[in-house]
Amino acid sequence: MSATLSTIVRPARTISPGTCLRIFNACWEGIARYFFRRAAIASLGELDDRALKDIGLTRSQIEAAVHGLTTAPNRART
């Protein structure tokens, strides 16, 4: 029976401090990106339609532009 139990039990894993730090940094950067994008959307949302047209956006394109999903009409995507 002891031979069966030794094959079932998995060795203990240790998480290095570097791994925890990388996970924490990735979470922190994701949160920072979220707030940065929300601020950019709010700033662009405060512009009037004429100002948005000057930079090549419509009001419905604001979120997509902040997330990098639109291209300027005079530039080709590479």
PDB file of N, CA and C in Angstrom:
ATOM      1  N   MET A   1       0.802  -1.177   0.000  1.00  0.00           N
ATOM      2  CA  MET A   1       0.000   0.000   0.000  1.00  0.00           C
ATOM      3  C   MET A   1       0.859   1.261   0.000  1.00  0.00           C
ATOM      4  N   SER A   2       2.003   1.216   0.641  1.00  0.00           N
ATOM      5  CA  SER A   2       2.862   2.396   0.683  1.00  0.00           C
ATOM      6  C   SER A   2       3.402   2.725  -0.711  1.00  0.00           C
ATOM      7  N   ALA A   3       3.591   1.725  -1.535  1.00  0.00           N
ATOM      8  CA  ALA A   3       4.071   1.980  -2.890  1.00  0.00           C
ATOM      9  C   ALA A   3       3.008   2.717  -3.692  1.00  0.00           C
ATOM     10  N   THR A   4       1.743   2.410  -3.476  1.00  0.00           N
ATOM     11  CA  THR A   4       0.658   3.073  -4.181  1.00  0.00           C
ATOM     12  C   THR A   4       0.544   4.527  -3.738  1.00  0.00           C
ATOM     13  N   LEU A   5       0.653   4.790  -2.451  1.00  0.00           N
ATOM     14  CA  LEU A   5       0.536   6.150  -1.945  1.00  0.00           C
ATOM     15  C   LEU A   5       1.688   7.026  -2.411  1.00  0.00           C
ATOM     16  N   SER A   6       2.870   6.462  -2.525  1.00  0.00           N
ATOM     17  CA  SER A   6       4.006   7.279  -2.940  1.00  0.00           C
ATOM     18  C   SER A   6       3.889   7.716  -4.398  1.00  0.00           C
ATOM     19  N   THR A   7       3.175   6.957  -5.194  1.00  0.00           N
ATOM     20  CA  THR A   7       3.006   7.361  -6.588  1.00  0.00           C
ATOM     21  C   THR A   7       1.875   8.369  -6.740  1.00  0.00           C
ATOM     22  N   ILE A   8       0.957   8.398  -5.803  1.00  0.00           N
ATOM     23  CA  ILE A   8      -0.166   9.328  -5.876  1.00  0.00           C
ATOM     24  C   ILE A   8       0.231  10.718  -5.363  1.00  0.00           C
ATOM     25  N   VAL A   9       1.014  10.778  -4.342  1.00  0.00           N
ATOM     26  CA  VAL A   9       1.379  12.048  -3.720  1.00  0.00           C
ATOM     27  C   VAL A   9       2.315  12.808  -4.651  1.00  0.00           C
ATOM     28  N   ARG A  10       1.967  14.047  -4.909  1.00  0.00           N
ATOM     29  CA  ARG A  10       2.791  14.882  -5.780  1.00  0.00           C
ATOM     30  C   ARG A  10       3.814  15.639  -4.940  1.00  0.00           C
ATOM     31  N   PRO A  11       4.949  15.909  -5.520  1.00  0.00           N
ATOM     32  CA  PRO A  11       5.946  16.675  -4.773  1.00  0.00           C
ATOM     33  C   PRO A  11       5.450  18.109  -4.555  1.00  0.00           C
ATOM     34  N   ALA A  12       5.856  18.679  -3.458  1.00  0.00           N
ATOM     35  CA  ALA A  12       5.440  20.042  -3.133  1.00  0.00           C
ATOM     36  C   ALA A  12       6.091  21.027  -4.084  1.00  0.00           C
ATOM     37  N   ARG A  13       5.315  21.997  -4.529  1.00  0.00           N
ATOM     38  CA  ARG A  13       5.840  23.040  -5.403  1.00  0.00           C
ATOM     39  C   ARG A  13       6.126  24.278  -4.565  1.00  0.00           C
ATOM     40  N   THR A  14       7.182  24.910  -4.902  1.00  0.00           N
ATOM     41  CA  THR A  14       7.488  26.170  -4.236  1.00  0.00           C
ATOM     42  C   THR A  14       7.407  27.280  -5.273  1.00  0.00           C
ATOM     43  N   ILE A  15       6.801  28.376  -4.902  1.00  0.00           N
ATOM     44  CA  ILE A  15       6.691  29.527  -5.787  1.00  0.00           C
ATOM     45  C   ILE A  15       7.778  30.513  -5.381  1.00  0.00           C
ATOM     46  N   SER A  16       8.593  30.855  -6.332  1.00  0.00           N
ATOM     47  CA  SER A  16       9.694  31.765  -6.015  1.00  0.00           C
ATOM     48  C   SER A  16       9.163  33.191  -5.847  1.00  0.00           C
ATOM     49  N   PRO A  17       9.872  34.007  -5.094  1.00  0.00           N
ATOM     50  CA  PRO A  17       9.453  35.400  -4.922  1.00  0.00           C
ATOM     51  C   PRO A  17       9.387  36.152  -6.252  1.00  0.00           C
ATOM     52  N   GLY A  18      10.210  35.781  -7.187  1.00  0.00           N
ATOM     53  CA  GLY A  18      10.196  36.421  -8.500  1.00  0.00           C
ATOM     54  C   GLY A  18       8.895  36.166  -9.238  1.00  0.00           C
ATOM     55  N   THR A  19       8.355  34.962  -9.087  1.00  0.00           N
ATOM     56  CA  THR A  19       7.093  34.628  -9.725  1.00  0.00           C
ATOM     57  C   THR A  19       5.968  35.463  -9.147  1.00  0.00           C
ATOM     58  N   CYS A  20       5.924  35.586  -7.854  1.00  0.00           N
ATOM     59  CA  CYS A  20       4.883  36.400  -7.210  1.00  0.00           C
ATOM     60  C   CYS A  20       4.993  37.850  -7.639  1.00  0.00           C
ATOM     61  N   LEU A  21       6.198  38.348  -7.750  1.00  0.00           N
ATOM     62  CA  LEU A  21       6.408  39.732  -8.156  1.00  0.00           C
ATOM     63  C   LEU A  21       5.954  39.955  -9.594  1.00  0.00           C
ATOM     64  N   ARG A  22       6.245  39.005 -10.476  1.00  0.00           N
ATOM     65  CA  ARG A  22       5.807  39.130 -11.870  1.00  0.00           C
ATOM     66  C   ARG A  22       4.283  39.117 -11.971  1.00  0.00           C
ATOM     67  N   ILE A  23       3.636  38.269 -11.204  1.00  0.00           N
ATOM     68  CA  ILE A  23       2.167  38.223 -11.204  1.00  0.00           C
ATOM     69  C   ILE A  23       1.597  39.534 -10.690  1.00  0.00           C
ATOM     70  N   PHE A  24       2.167  40.045  -9.604  1.00  0.00           N
ATOM     71  CA  PHE A  24       1.709  41.308  -9.039  1.00  0.00           C
ATOM     72  C   PHE A  24       1.894  42.450 -10.043  1.00  0.00           C
ATOM     73  N   ASN A  25       3.057  42.504 -10.697  1.00  0.00           N
ATOM     74  CA  ASN A  25       3.320  43.555 -11.676  1.00  0.00           C
ATOM     75  C   ASN A  25       2.368  43.468 -12.865  1.00  0.00           C
ATOM     76  N   ALA A  26       2.082  42.269 -13.326  1.00  0.00           N
ATOM     77  CA  ALA A  26       1.157  42.107 -14.444  1.00  0.00           C
ATOM     78  C   ALA A  26      -0.240  42.596 -14.066  1.00  0.00           C
ATOM     79  N   CYS A  27      -0.676  42.277 -12.865  1.00  0.00           N
ATOM     80  CA  CYS A  27      -1.990  42.749 -12.401  1.00  0.00           C
ATOM     81  C   CYS A  27      -1.994  44.267 -12.268  1.00  0.00           C
ATOM     82  N   TRP A  28      -0.936  44.812 -11.680  1.00  0.00           N
ATOM     83  CA  TRP A  28      -0.848  46.261 -11.492  1.00  0.00           C
ATOM     84  C   TRP A  28      -0.848  46.989 -12.837  1.00  0.00           C
ATOM     85  N   GLU A  29      -0.108  46.480 -13.811  1.00  0.00           N
ATOM     86  CA  GLU A  29      -0.070  47.106 -15.125  1.00  0.00           C
ATOM     87  C   GLU A  29      -1.419  47.025 -15.817  1.00  0.00           C
ATOM     88  N   GLY A  30      -2.118  45.925 -15.653  1.00  0.00           N
ATOM     89  CA  GLY A  30      -3.457  45.802 -16.228  1.00  0.00           C
ATOM     90  C   GLY A  30      -4.428  46.804 -15.631  1.00  0.00           C
ATOM     91  N   ILE A  31      -4.356  46.992 -14.331  1.00  0.00           N
ATOM     92  CA  ILE A  31      -5.215  47.974 -13.667  1.00  0.00           C
ATOM     93  C   ILE A  31      -4.864  49.382 -14.127  1.00  0.00           C
ATOM     94  N   ALA A  32      -3.574  49.681 -14.227  1.00  0.00           N
ATOM     95  CA  ALA A  32      -3.145  51.010 -14.676  1.00  0.00           C
ATOM     96  C   ALA A  32      -3.601  51.274 -16.109  1.00  0.00           C
ATOM     97  N   ARG A  33      -3.485  50.271 -16.988  1.00  0.00           N
ATOM     98  CA  ARG A  33      -3.953  50.421 -18.371  1.00  0.00           C
ATOM     99  C   ARG A  33      -5.450  50.693 -18.424  1.00  0.00           C
ATOM    100  N   TYR A  34      -6.206  50.001 -17.582  1.00  0.00           N
ATOM    101  CA  TYR A  34      -7.658  50.192 -17.540  1.00  0.00           C
ATOM    102  C   TYR A  34      -7.996  51.635 -17.185  1.00  0.00           C
ATOM    103  N   PHE A  35      -7.379  52.167 -16.136  1.00  0.00           N
ATOM    104  CA  PHE A  35      -7.683  53.532 -15.718  1.00  0.00           C
ATOM    105  C   PHE A  35      -7.178  54.566 -16.728  1.00  0.00           C
ATOM    106  N   PHE A  36      -6.047  54.295 -17.360  1.00  0.00           N
ATOM    107  CA  PHE A  36      -5.540  55.198 -18.382  1.00  0.00           C
ATOM    108  C   PHE A  36      -6.519  55.262 -19.555  1.00  0.00           C
ATOM    109  N   ARG A  37      -7.015  54.113 -19.979  1.00  0.00           N
ATOM    110  CA  ARG A  37      -7.974  54.086 -21.090  1.00  0.00           C
ATOM    111  C   ARG A  37      -9.281  54.756 -20.712  1.00  0.00           C
ATOM    112  N   ARG A  38      -9.765  54.536 -19.497  1.00  0.00           N
ATOM    113  CA  ARG A  38     -11.000  55.193 -19.051  1.00  0.00           C
ATOM    114  C   ARG A  38     -10.832  56.713 -19.061  1.00  0.00           C
ATOM    115  N   ALA A  39      -9.664  57.200 -18.635  1.00  0.00           N
ATOM    116  CA  ALA A  39      -9.403  58.636 -18.638  1.00  0.00           C
ATOM    117  C   ALA A  39      -9.352  59.171 -20.070  1.00  0.00           C
ATOM    118  N   ALA A  40      -8.747  58.425 -20.976  1.00  0.00           N
ATOM    119  CA  ALA A  40      -8.670  58.857 -22.370  1.00  0.00           C
ATOM    120  C   ALA A  40     -10.061  58.898 -22.998  1.00  0.00           C
ATOM    121  N   ILE A  41     -10.886  57.905 -22.710  1.00  0.00           N
ATOM    122  CA  ILE A  41     -12.251  57.882 -23.228  1.00  0.00           C
ATOM    123  C   ILE A  41     -13.045  59.061 -22.689  1.00  0.00           C
ATOM    124  N   ALA A  42     -12.878  59.354 -21.406  1.00  0.00           N
ATOM    125  CA  ALA A  42     -13.580  60.494 -20.812  1.00  0.00           C
ATOM    126  C   ALA A  42     -13.124  61.808 -21.434  1.00  0.00           C
ATOM    127  N   SER A  43     -11.818  61.959 -21.657  1.00  0.00           N
ATOM    128  CA  SER A  43     -11.293  63.184 -22.262  1.00  0.00           C
ATOM    129  C   SER A  43     -11.797  63.374 -23.680  1.00  0.00           C
ATOM    130  N   LEU A  44     -11.781  62.304 -24.455  1.00  0.00           N
ATOM    131  CA  LEU A  44     -12.287  62.403 -25.823  1.00  0.00           C
ATOM    132  C   LEU A  44     -13.798  62.615 -25.843  1.00  0.00           C
ATOM    133  N   GLY A  45     -14.491  62.058 -24.884  1.00  0.00           N
ATOM    134  CA  GLY A  45     -15.936  62.236 -24.808  1.00  0.00           C
ATOM    135  C   GLY A  45     -16.344  63.661 -24.499  1.00  0.00           C
ATOM    136  N   GLU A  46     -15.459  64.427 -23.864  1.00  0.00           N
ATOM    137  CA  GLU A  46     -15.757  65.825 -23.554  1.00  0.00           C
ATOM    138  C   GLU A  46     -15.610  66.741 -24.768  1.00  0.00           C
ATOM    139  N   LEU A  47     -14.921  66.268 -25.810  1.00  0.00           N
ATOM    140  CA  LEU A  47     -14.754  67.088 -27.010  1.00  0.00           C
ATOM    141  C   LEU A  47     -16.067  67.178 -27.778  1.00  0.00           C
ATOM    142  N   ASP A  48     -16.258  68.295 -28.477  1.00  0.00           N
ATOM    143  CA  ASP A  48     -17.451  68.405 -29.313  1.00  0.00           C
ATOM    144  C   ASP A  48     -17.210  67.657 -30.626  1.00  0.00           C
ATOM    145  N   ASP A  49     -18.278  67.492 -31.405  1.00  0.00           N
ATOM    146  CA  ASP A  49     -18.187  66.706 -32.638  1.00  0.00           C
ATOM    147  C   ASP A  49     -17.214  67.318 -33.648  1.00  0.00           C
ATOM    148  N   ARG A  50     -17.127  68.631 -33.670  1.00  0.00           N
ATOM    149  CA  ARG A  50     -16.215  69.285 -34.606  1.00  0.00           C
ATOM    150  C   ARG A  50     -14.760  68.976 -34.259  1.00  0.00           C
ATOM    151  N   ALA A  51     -14.419  69.011 -32.982  1.00  0.00           N
ATOM    152  CA  ALA A  51     -13.045  68.695 -32.565  1.00  0.00           C
ATOM    153  C   ALA A  51     -12.720  67.234 -32.846  1.00  0.00           C
ATOM    154  N   LEU A  52     -13.681  66.367 -32.622  1.00  0.00           N
ATOM    155  CA  LEU A  52     -13.458  64.953 -32.939  1.00  0.00           C
ATOM    156  C   LEU A  52     -13.239  64.761 -34.434  1.00  0.00           C
ATOM    157  N   LYS A  53     -14.008  65.489 -35.243  1.00  0.00           N
ATOM    158  CA  LYS A  53     -13.847  65.380 -36.690  1.00  0.00           C
ATOM    159  C   LYS A  53     -12.463  65.851 -37.116  1.00  0.00           C
ATOM    160  N   ASP A  54     -11.943  66.879 -36.424  1.00  0.00           N
ATOM    161  CA  ASP A  54     -10.605  67.383 -36.746  1.00  0.00           C
ATOM    162  C   ASP A  54      -9.526  66.325 -36.529  1.00  0.00           C
ATOM    163  N   ILE A  55      -9.714  65.460 -35.552  1.00  0.00           N
ATOM    164  CA  ILE A  55      -8.715  64.408 -35.312  1.00  0.00           C
ATOM    165  C   ILE A  55      -9.090  63.101 -36.000  1.00  0.00           C
ATOM    166  N   GLY A  56     -10.177  63.131 -36.789  1.00  0.00           N
ATOM    167  CA  GLY A  56     -10.542  61.973 -37.609  1.00  0.00           C
ATOM    168  C   GLY A  56     -11.364  60.922 -36.910  1.00  0.00           C
ATOM    169  N   LEU A  57     -12.131  61.332 -35.901  1.00  0.00           N
ATOM    170  CA  LEU A  57     -12.969  60.378 -35.169  1.00  0.00           C
ATOM    171  C   LEU A  57     -14.419  60.829 -35.148  1.00  0.00           C
ATOM    172  N   THR A  58     -15.289  59.873 -35.017  1.00  0.00           N
ATOM    173  CA  THR A  58     -16.678  60.159 -34.688  1.00  0.00           C
ATOM    174  C   THR A  58     -16.894  59.699 -33.254  1.00  0.00           C
ATOM    175  N   ARG A  59     -17.979  60.140 -32.673  1.00  0.00           N
ATOM    176  CA  ARG A  59     -18.250  59.801 -31.279  1.00  0.00           C
ATOM    177  C   ARG A  59     -18.345  58.287 -31.077  1.00  0.00           C
ATOM    178  N   SER A  60     -18.851  57.580 -32.063  1.00  0.00           N
ATOM    179  CA  SER A  60     -18.992  56.123 -31.929  1.00  0.00           C
ATOM    180  C   SER A  60     -17.663  55.381 -32.037  1.00  0.00           C
ATOM    181  N   GLN A  61     -16.609  56.061 -32.472  1.00  0.00           N
ATOM    182  CA  GLN A  61     -15.298  55.418 -32.629  1.00  0.00           C
ATOM    183  C   GLN A  61     -14.356  55.665 -31.462  1.00  0.00           C
ATOM    184  N   ILE A  62     -14.793  56.400 -30.450  1.00  0.00           N
ATOM    185  CA  ILE A  62     -13.898  56.795 -29.365  1.00  0.00           C
ATOM    186  C   ILE A  62     -13.308  55.577 -28.651  1.00  0.00           C
ATOM    187  N   GLU A  63     -14.152  54.655 -28.198  1.00  0.00           N
ATOM    188  CA  GLU A  63     -13.627  53.494 -27.452  1.00  0.00           C
ATOM    189  C   GLU A  63     -12.710  52.641 -28.314  1.00  0.00           C
ATOM    190  N   ALA A  64     -13.090  52.415 -29.562  1.00  0.00           N
ATOM    191  CA  ALA A  64     -12.248  51.605 -30.449  1.00  0.00           C
ATOM    192  C   ALA A  64     -10.901  52.284 -30.681  1.00  0.00           C
ATOM    193  N   ALA A  65     -10.906  53.607 -30.822  1.00  0.00           N
ATOM    194  CA  ALA A  65      -9.654  54.329 -31.041  1.00  0.00           C
ATOM    195  C   ALA A  65      -8.752  54.250 -29.819  1.00  0.00           C
ATOM    196  N   VAL A  66      -9.325  54.360 -28.638  1.00  0.00           N
ATOM    197  CA  VAL A  66      -8.519  54.280 -27.412  1.00  0.00           C
ATOM    198  C   VAL A  66      -7.914  52.889 -27.253  1.00  0.00           C
ATOM    199  N   HIS A  67      -8.640  51.878 -27.666  1.00  0.00           N
ATOM    200  CA  HIS A  67      -8.132  50.505 -27.568  1.00  0.00           C
ATOM    201  C   HIS A  67      -7.223  50.136 -28.743  1.00  0.00           C
ATOM    202  N   GLY A  68      -7.035  51.069 -29.677  1.00  0.00           N
ATOM    203  CA  GLY A  68      -6.134  50.833 -30.806  1.00  0.00           C
ATOM    204  C   GLY A  68      -6.735  50.001 -31.910  1.00  0.00           C
ATOM    205  N   LEU A  69      -8.038  50.004 -32.030  1.00  0.00           N
ATOM    206  CA  LEU A  69      -8.697  49.155 -33.014  1.00  0.00           C
ATOM    207  C   LEU A  69      -9.078  49.898 -34.284  1.00  0.00           C
ATOM    208  N   THR A  70      -8.778  51.168 -34.388  1.00  0.00           N
ATOM    209  CA  THR A  70      -9.069  51.930 -35.607  1.00  0.00           C
ATOM    210  C   THR A  70      -7.779  52.510 -36.148  1.00  0.00           C
ATOM    211  N   THR A  71      -7.793  52.816 -37.424  1.00  0.00           N
ATOM    212  CA  THR A  71      -6.653  53.472 -38.044  1.00  0.00           C
ATOM    213  C   THR A  71      -7.119  54.811 -38.601  1.00  0.00           C
ATOM    214  N   ALA A  72      -6.208  55.713 -38.764  1.00  0.00           N
ATOM    215  CA  ALA A  72      -6.533  57.001 -39.372  1.00  0.00           C
ATOM    216  C   ALA A  72      -6.900  56.752 -40.830  1.00  0.00           C
ATOM    217  N   PRO A  73      -7.869  57.479 -41.367  1.00  0.00           N
ATOM    218  CA  PRO A  73      -8.308  57.223 -42.751  1.00  0.00           C
ATOM    219  C   PRO A  73      -7.225  57.469 -43.790  1.00  0.00           C
ATOM    220  N   ASN A  74      -6.263  58.343 -43.502  1.00  0.00           N
ATOM    221  CA  ASN A  74      -5.232  58.616 -44.501  1.00  0.00           C
ATOM    222  C   ASN A  74      -3.983  57.744 -44.323  1.00  0.00           C
ATOM    223  N   ARG A  75      -4.004  56.822 -43.369  1.00  0.00           N
ATOM    224  CA  ARG A  75      -2.866  55.920 -43.162  1.00  0.00           C
ATOM    225  C   ARG A  75      -3.283  54.491 -43.417  1.00  0.00           C
ATOM    226  N   ALA A  76      -2.441  53.766 -44.117  1.00  0.00           N
ATOM    227  CA  ALA A  76      -2.706  52.353 -44.356  1.00  0.00           C
ATOM    228  C   ALA A  76      -2.150  51.543 -43.193  1.00  0.00           C
ATOM    229  N   ARG A  77      -2.828  50.462 -42.865  1.00  0.00           N
ATOM    230  CA  ARG A  77      -2.372  49.578 -41.811  1.00  0.00           C
ATOM    231  C   ARG A  77      -1.202  48.767 -42.329  1.00  0.00           C
ATOM    232  N   THR A  78      -0.130  48.658 -41.532  1.00  0.00           N
ATOM    233  CA  THR A  78       1.048  47.902 -41.971  1.00  0.00           C
ATOM    234  C   THR A  78       1.124  46.570 -41.291  1.00  0.00           C
TER     235      THR A  78
END
